[in-house]
């Protein structure tokens, strides 16, 4: 396999694409309607802007790495475009949905590709964008009958230098990779949302409360304080992406317990609005982090 289509060229997609390019793959992407910043990221990563026709005709694997809210519409368009474009290759096209969606969503997407020549894989990326010597891990699962294509995908990812793992064993199939993503992000991004919520609530009560919270964390929970200094600043520019992801996790958890993640979706939406608005909440978070760094 030599040609990968990677949609889209955001911070994660472009850096994953760069790893494939460095490993000798041809990496296509669609820059239709994308910003100049996205176009520059794709260009710098060595990705090639291609039409839908080119992507379907030339790709061995299509990977979707987009915001959760766009996952279903992208899959629907892929299928529509595929039905109108002849493919020279006799090998099935592999489509790996690597988006942060819940199990119900991924299974509904998978049904679109039943009885089609497209092999659907459920994927997820755990970790941040590749940078320097750091790489995330891409997990994948599929219908047991698709073991060959699942292994082909894993081998291609490994060739790029990114870690790859297959979820298999009793009862494995579509939904497992997405469930893993929901579980992991529910902990890691859930903690960051909890930190953010309480920092803002303490400050809203009074600066004295905020200062006392900072002191007590320094005295009794230094590990949490150190994590705050890393997690909160890294979250701020990504908050807009995490709004939908928290809603997906809420659906995955279900019941009244899922309401925790509806609330976390609101806190990330609040941070997003602060970035675009008066910056008050963002500055409060940054000030707390700056003081925290003096104590670790």
Protein backbone atom coordinates (compact mmCIF):
# COMPACT_ATOMS: atom_id res chain seq x y z
CA UNK A 1 0.00 0.00 0.00
CA UNK A 2 1.49 3.28 -1.07
CA UNK A 3 -1.24 5.93 -1.16
CA UNK A 4 -3.09 7.23 1.88
CA UNK A 5 -5.84 9.84 1.85
CA UNK A 6 -6.00 11.69 5.14
CA UNK A 7 -8.96 13.94 5.88
CA UNK A 8 -8.34 16.52 7.22
CA UNK A 9 -5.15 18.54 7.60
CA UNK A 10 -5.78 19.89 11.09
CA UNK A 11 -3.10 19.78 13.77
CA UNK A 12 -3.51 16.02 14.22
CA UNK A 13 -4.19 15.10 10.60
CA UNK A 14 -1.32 17.11 9.15
CA UNK A 15 1.22 15.70 11.57
CA UNK A 16 0.01 12.14 11.06
CA UNK A 17 0.17 12.82 7.33
CA UNK A 18 3.73 14.08 7.67
CA UNK A 19 4.79 10.79 9.26
CA UNK A 20 3.33 8.85 6.32
CA UNK A 21 5.06 11.17 3.84
CA UNK A 22 8.40 10.73 5.62
CA UNK A 23 7.93 6.95 5.37
CA UNK A 24 7.54 7.16 1.59
CA UNK A 25 3.75 7.14 1.20
CA UNK A 26 1.89 9.44 -1.15
CA UNK A 27 -0.55 11.32 1.08
CA UNK A 28 -3.63 12.95 -0.44
CA UNK A 29 -6.05 15.30 1.25
CA UNK A 30 -8.98 17.50 0.32
CA UNK A 31 -8.48 21.21 0.93
CA UNK A 32 -11.87 22.13 -0.48
CA UNK A 33 -13.11 25.19 1.43
CA UNK A 34 -10.23 25.07 3.91
CA UNK A 35 -8.42 28.09 5.36
CA UNK A 36 -5.00 29.34 4.31
CA UNK A 37 -3.60 28.10 7.63
CA UNK A 38 -4.85 24.58 6.90
CA UNK A 39 -3.50 24.73 3.36
CA UNK A 40 -0.09 25.74 4.68
CA UNK A 41 -0.10 22.90 7.24
CA UNK A 42 -0.88 20.40 4.50
CA UNK A 43 1.79 21.81 2.20
CA UNK A 44 4.42 21.85 4.93
CA UNK A 45 3.58 18.22 5.77
CA UNK A 46 4.04 17.17 2.14
CA UNK A 47 0.38 16.32 1.63
CA UNK A 48 -1.14 16.72 -1.84
CA UNK A 49 -4.41 18.56 -2.43
CA UNK A 50 -6.63 16.22 -4.43
CA UNK A 51 -10.17 16.07 -5.75
CA UNK A 52 -12.65 13.49 -4.52
CA UNK A 53 -12.22 11.63 -7.79
CA UNK A 54 -8.45 11.42 -7.33
CA UNK A 55 -8.81 10.37 -3.69
CA UNK A 56 -11.16 7.49 -4.55
CA UNK A 57 -9.26 6.35 -7.63
CA UNK A 58 -5.77 6.46 -6.13
CA UNK A 59 -6.12 5.70 -2.42
CA UNK A 60 -5.47 2.36 -0.78
CA UNK A 61 -6.59 3.70 2.61
CA UNK A 62 -8.74 6.71 3.53
CA UNK A 63 -8.40 7.93 7.10
CA UNK A 64 -10.90 10.36 8.59
CA UNK A 65 -9.50 12.57 11.38
CA UNK A 66 -12.11 15.31 11.75
CA UNK A 67 -14.30 16.85 14.47
CA UNK A 68 -16.91 14.37 15.77
CA UNK A 69 -19.83 16.45 14.52
CA UNK A 70 -18.64 15.95 10.91
CA UNK A 71 -18.00 12.20 11.04
CA UNK A 72 -21.38 11.03 9.74
CA UNK A 73 -21.68 13.60 6.95
CA UNK A 74 -18.15 12.82 5.77
CA UNK A 75 -18.90 9.08 5.60
CA UNK A 76 -22.10 9.76 3.69
CA UNK A 77 -20.27 11.92 1.17
CA UNK A 78 -17.49 9.36 0.77
CA UNK A 79 -20.03 6.70 -0.10
CA UNK A 80 -21.85 9.00 -2.53
CA UNK A 81 -18.62 9.97 -4.30
CA UNK A 82 -17.43 6.36 -4.38
CA UNK A 83 -20.52 5.18 -6.24
CA UNK A 84 -19.90 7.68 -9.04
CA UNK A 85 -16.15 7.13 -9.54
CA UNK A 86 -14.61 4.06 -11.22
CA UNK A 87 -11.68 2.46 -9.38
CA UNK A 88 -8.88 0.80 -11.30
CA UNK A 89 -7.69 -1.25 -8.33
CA UNK A 90 -9.35 -4.59 -7.65
CA UNK A 91 -8.36 -4.35 -3.98
CA UNK A 92 -11.05 -3.08 -1.61
CA UNK A 93 -10.75 0.50 -0.48
CA UNK A 94 -10.10 0.65 3.26
CA UNK A 95 -11.85 3.42 5.16
CA UNK A 96 -10.68 3.97 8.74
CA UNK A 97 -12.86 6.31 10.77
CA UNK A 98 -10.46 7.61 13.44
CA UNK A 99 -12.80 10.20 14.95
CA UNK A 100 -13.79 10.66 18.58
CA UNK A 101 -17.34 9.34 18.30
CA UNK A 102 -19.30 7.02 20.55
CA UNK A 103 -20.16 3.40 19.87
CA UNK A 104 -23.70 4.09 18.63
CA UNK A 105 -22.38 6.66 16.15
CA UNK A 106 -19.60 4.45 14.79
CA UNK A 107 -21.94 1.49 14.35
CA UNK A 108 -24.41 3.66 12.45
CA UNK A 109 -21.58 4.82 10.18
CA UNK A 110 -20.44 1.22 9.67
CA UNK A 111 -23.89 0.21 8.40
CA UNK A 112 -23.49 2.65 5.50
CA UNK A 113 -20.73 0.47 4.08
CA UNK A 114 -22.38 -2.93 4.41
CA UNK A 115 -22.55 -4.71 1.06
CA UNK A 116 -20.21 -2.20 -0.55
CA UNK A 117 -16.64 -2.70 -1.83
CA UNK A 118 -15.38 -0.42 0.96
CA UNK A 119 -13.88 -2.12 4.01
CA UNK A 120 -14.84 -0.14 7.10
CA UNK A 121 -12.52 0.02 10.12
CA UNK A 122 -13.28 1.55 13.50
CA UNK A 123 -10.20 3.50 14.59
CA UNK A 124 -9.07 5.91 17.25
CA UNK A 125 -5.99 7.96 18.04
CA UNK A 126 -4.78 8.04 21.63
CA UNK A 127 -2.38 10.86 22.37
CA UNK A 128 -1.42 14.15 20.77
CA UNK A 129 -0.12 14.93 17.26
CA UNK A 130 3.26 13.41 16.32
CA UNK A 131 6.06 15.78 17.24
CA UNK A 132 9.80 15.17 17.35
CA UNK A 133 10.35 11.68 18.72
CA UNK A 134 6.82 11.49 20.14
CA UNK A 135 4.07 9.55 18.36
CA UNK A 136 0.53 8.64 19.45
CA UNK A 137 -1.01 5.19 19.16
CA UNK A 138 -3.65 4.36 16.56
CA UNK A 139 -6.00 1.55 17.55
CA UNK A 140 -8.32 -0.23 15.15
CA UNK A 141 -11.07 -2.84 15.27
CA UNK A 142 -13.31 -4.40 12.65
CA UNK A 143 -15.67 -7.20 11.79
CA UNK A 144 -13.75 -10.48 12.32
CA UNK A 145 -14.13 -11.23 8.60
CA UNK A 146 -11.98 -8.17 7.85
CA UNK A 147 -8.84 -9.41 9.58
CA UNK A 148 -6.75 -9.13 6.38
CA UNK A 149 -7.59 -5.47 5.84
CA UNK A 150 -7.22 -4.73 9.54
CA UNK A 151 -3.68 -6.11 9.44
CA UNK A 152 -2.92 -4.14 6.28
CA UNK A 153 -4.00 -0.94 8.01
CA UNK A 154 -1.96 -1.75 11.11
CA UNK A 155 1.13 -2.50 9.02
CA UNK A 156 0.80 0.76 7.07
CA UNK A 157 0.51 2.77 10.29
CA UNK A 158 3.53 1.00 11.78
CA UNK A 159 5.51 1.71 8.61
CA UNK A 160 4.88 5.41 9.19
CA UNK A 161 6.53 5.15 12.61
CA UNK A 162 3.28 5.69 14.51
CA UNK A 163 2.36 2.99 17.01
CA UNK A 164 -0.52 0.75 15.95
CA UNK A 165 -2.54 -1.82 17.85
CA UNK A 166 -5.44 -4.04 16.87
CA UNK A 167 -8.27 -4.69 19.32
CA UNK A 168 -9.12 -8.36 19.03
CA UNK A 169 -10.25 -11.27 21.14
CA UNK A 170 -13.65 -12.54 22.25
CA UNK A 171 -16.48 -10.34 21.06
CA UNK A 172 -14.21 -7.86 19.28
CA UNK A 173 -15.54 -5.83 16.39
CA UNK A 174 -16.82 -2.45 15.26
CA UNK A 175 -17.23 -0.17 18.27
CA UNK A 176 -14.27 -1.39 20.32
CA UNK A 177 -11.78 1.27 19.16
CA UNK A 178 -14.35 4.02 19.61
CA UNK A 179 -15.26 2.71 23.07
CA UNK A 180 -11.57 2.83 24.00
CA UNK A 181 -11.34 6.44 22.80
CA UNK A 182 -14.43 7.41 24.79
CA UNK A 183 -13.06 5.70 27.90
CA UNK A 184 -9.59 7.19 27.69
CA UNK A 185 -10.73 10.69 26.77
CA UNK A 186 -13.43 10.49 29.43
CA UNK A 187 -10.64 10.22 31.99
CA UNK A 188 -7.92 12.44 30.52
CA UNK A 189 -10.04 15.25 29.06
CA UNK A 190 -12.62 14.78 31.80
CA UNK A 191 -9.98 15.61 34.41
CA UNK A 192 -8.94 18.70 32.47
CA UNK A 193 -12.57 19.83 32.31
CA UNK A 194 -12.94 19.25 36.05
CA UNK A 195 -9.83 21.32 36.75
CA UNK A 196 -11.13 24.10 34.50
CA UNK A 197 -14.59 24.11 36.06
CA UNK A 198 -13.33 24.41 39.63
CA UNK A 199 -10.61 26.98 38.91
CA UNK A 200 -13.23 29.26 37.35
CA UNK A 201 -15.77 28.60 40.12
CA UNK A 202 -13.25 29.33 42.88
CA UNK A 203 -12.20 32.57 41.21
CA UNK A 204 -15.82 33.59 40.70
CA UNK A 205 -16.41 33.22 44.43
CA UNK A 206 -13.42 35.42 45.28
CA UNK A 207 -9.72 35.85 44.53
CA UNK A 208 -9.09 34.78 48.13
CA UNK A 209 -10.78 31.42 47.47
CA UNK A 210 -8.71 30.92 44.35
CA UNK A 211 -5.49 31.71 46.20
CA UNK A 212 -6.38 29.33 49.02
CA UNK A 213 -7.20 26.57 46.54
CA UNK A 214 -3.83 27.05 44.90
CA UNK A 215 -2.06 26.89 48.25
CA UNK A 216 -3.91 23.76 49.37
CA UNK A 217 -3.22 21.96 46.11
CA UNK A 218 0.44 22.86 46.47
CA UNK A 219 0.50 21.49 50.03
CA UNK A 220 -1.59 18.33 49.70
CA UNK A 221 -2.01 17.51 45.97
CA UNK A 222 1.20 18.58 44.21
CA UNK A 223 0.74 15.94 41.49
CA UNK A 224 -2.64 17.42 40.56
CA UNK A 225 -1.21 20.94 40.55
CA UNK A 226 1.59 19.87 38.24
CA UNK A 227 -0.94 18.27 35.90
CA UNK A 228 -3.00 21.46 35.87
CA UNK A 229 0.06 23.43 34.65
CA UNK A 230 0.35 21.08 31.67
CA UNK A 231 -3.24 20.16 30.86
CA UNK A 232 -5.09 23.47 31.15
CA UNK A 233 -2.88 25.59 28.85
CA UNK A 234 -2.79 22.79 26.26
CA UNK A 235 -6.59 22.55 26.35
CA UNK A 236 -7.39 26.21 25.69
CA UNK A 237 -6.74 26.30 21.92
CA UNK A 238 -8.44 22.90 21.50
CA UNK A 239 -11.56 23.59 23.58
CA UNK A 240 -13.75 24.02 20.51
CA UNK A 241 -12.94 20.45 19.42
CA UNK A 242 -13.67 18.98 22.83
CA UNK A 243 -17.24 20.33 23.01
CA UNK A 244 -18.55 17.68 20.64
CA UNK A 245 -16.26 15.02 22.04
CA UNK A 246 -17.73 15.44 25.53
CA UNK A 247 -21.21 15.03 24.06
CA UNK A 248 -20.11 11.82 22.38
CA UNK A 249 -18.73 10.55 25.69
CA UNK A 250 -22.01 11.47 27.40
CA UNK A 251 -23.79 9.25 24.90
CA UNK A 252 -21.28 6.46 25.47
CA UNK A 253 -21.66 6.56 29.27
CA UNK A 254 -25.44 6.96 29.11
CA UNK A 255 -27.96 7.41 31.91
CA UNK A 256 -27.70 10.08 34.55
CA UNK A 257 -23.97 9.47 34.80
CA UNK A 258 -23.55 10.74 31.25
CA UNK A 259 -24.76 14.15 32.42
CA UNK A 260 -21.28 14.70 33.87
CA UNK A 261 -20.00 14.96 30.31
CA UNK A 262 -22.84 17.20 29.15
CA UNK A 263 -21.61 19.57 31.85
CA UNK A 264 -18.00 19.25 30.70
CA UNK A 265 -19.13 20.02 27.16
CA UNK A 266 -20.55 23.28 28.52
CA UNK A 267 -17.28 24.23 30.23
CA UNK A 268 -15.33 23.70 27.02
CA UNK A 269 -17.93 25.72 25.14
CA UNK A 270 -17.46 28.47 27.73
CA UNK A 271 -13.70 28.48 27.15
CA UNK A 272 -14.26 28.62 23.40
CA UNK A 273 -16.60 31.60 23.82
CA UNK A 274 -14.05 33.33 26.05
CA UNK A 275 -11.38 32.97 23.38
CA UNK A 276 -13.68 34.58 20.84
CA UNK A 277 -15.06 37.13 23.30
CA UNK A 278 -13.69 39.13 26.22
CA UNK A 279 -10.98 36.60 27.21
CA UNK A 280 -11.93 36.87 30.91
CA UNK A 281 -12.16 33.14 31.61
CA UNK A 282 -9.06 32.39 29.56
CA UNK A 283 -7.05 35.01 31.43
CA UNK A 284 -8.29 33.61 34.76
CA UNK A 285 -7.08 30.15 33.79
CA UNK A 286 -3.74 31.44 32.57
CA UNK A 287 -3.20 33.45 35.75
CA UNK A 288 -3.94 30.41 37.92
CA UNK A 289 -1.51 28.30 35.92
CA UNK A 290 1.19 30.98 36.10
CA UNK A 291 0.93 31.05 39.91
CA UNK A 292 0.84 27.25 40.04
CA UNK A 293 4.10 26.99 38.11
CA UNK A 294 5.83 29.02 40.82
CA UNK A 295 4.92 26.34 43.36
CA UNK A 296 5.98 23.13 41.63
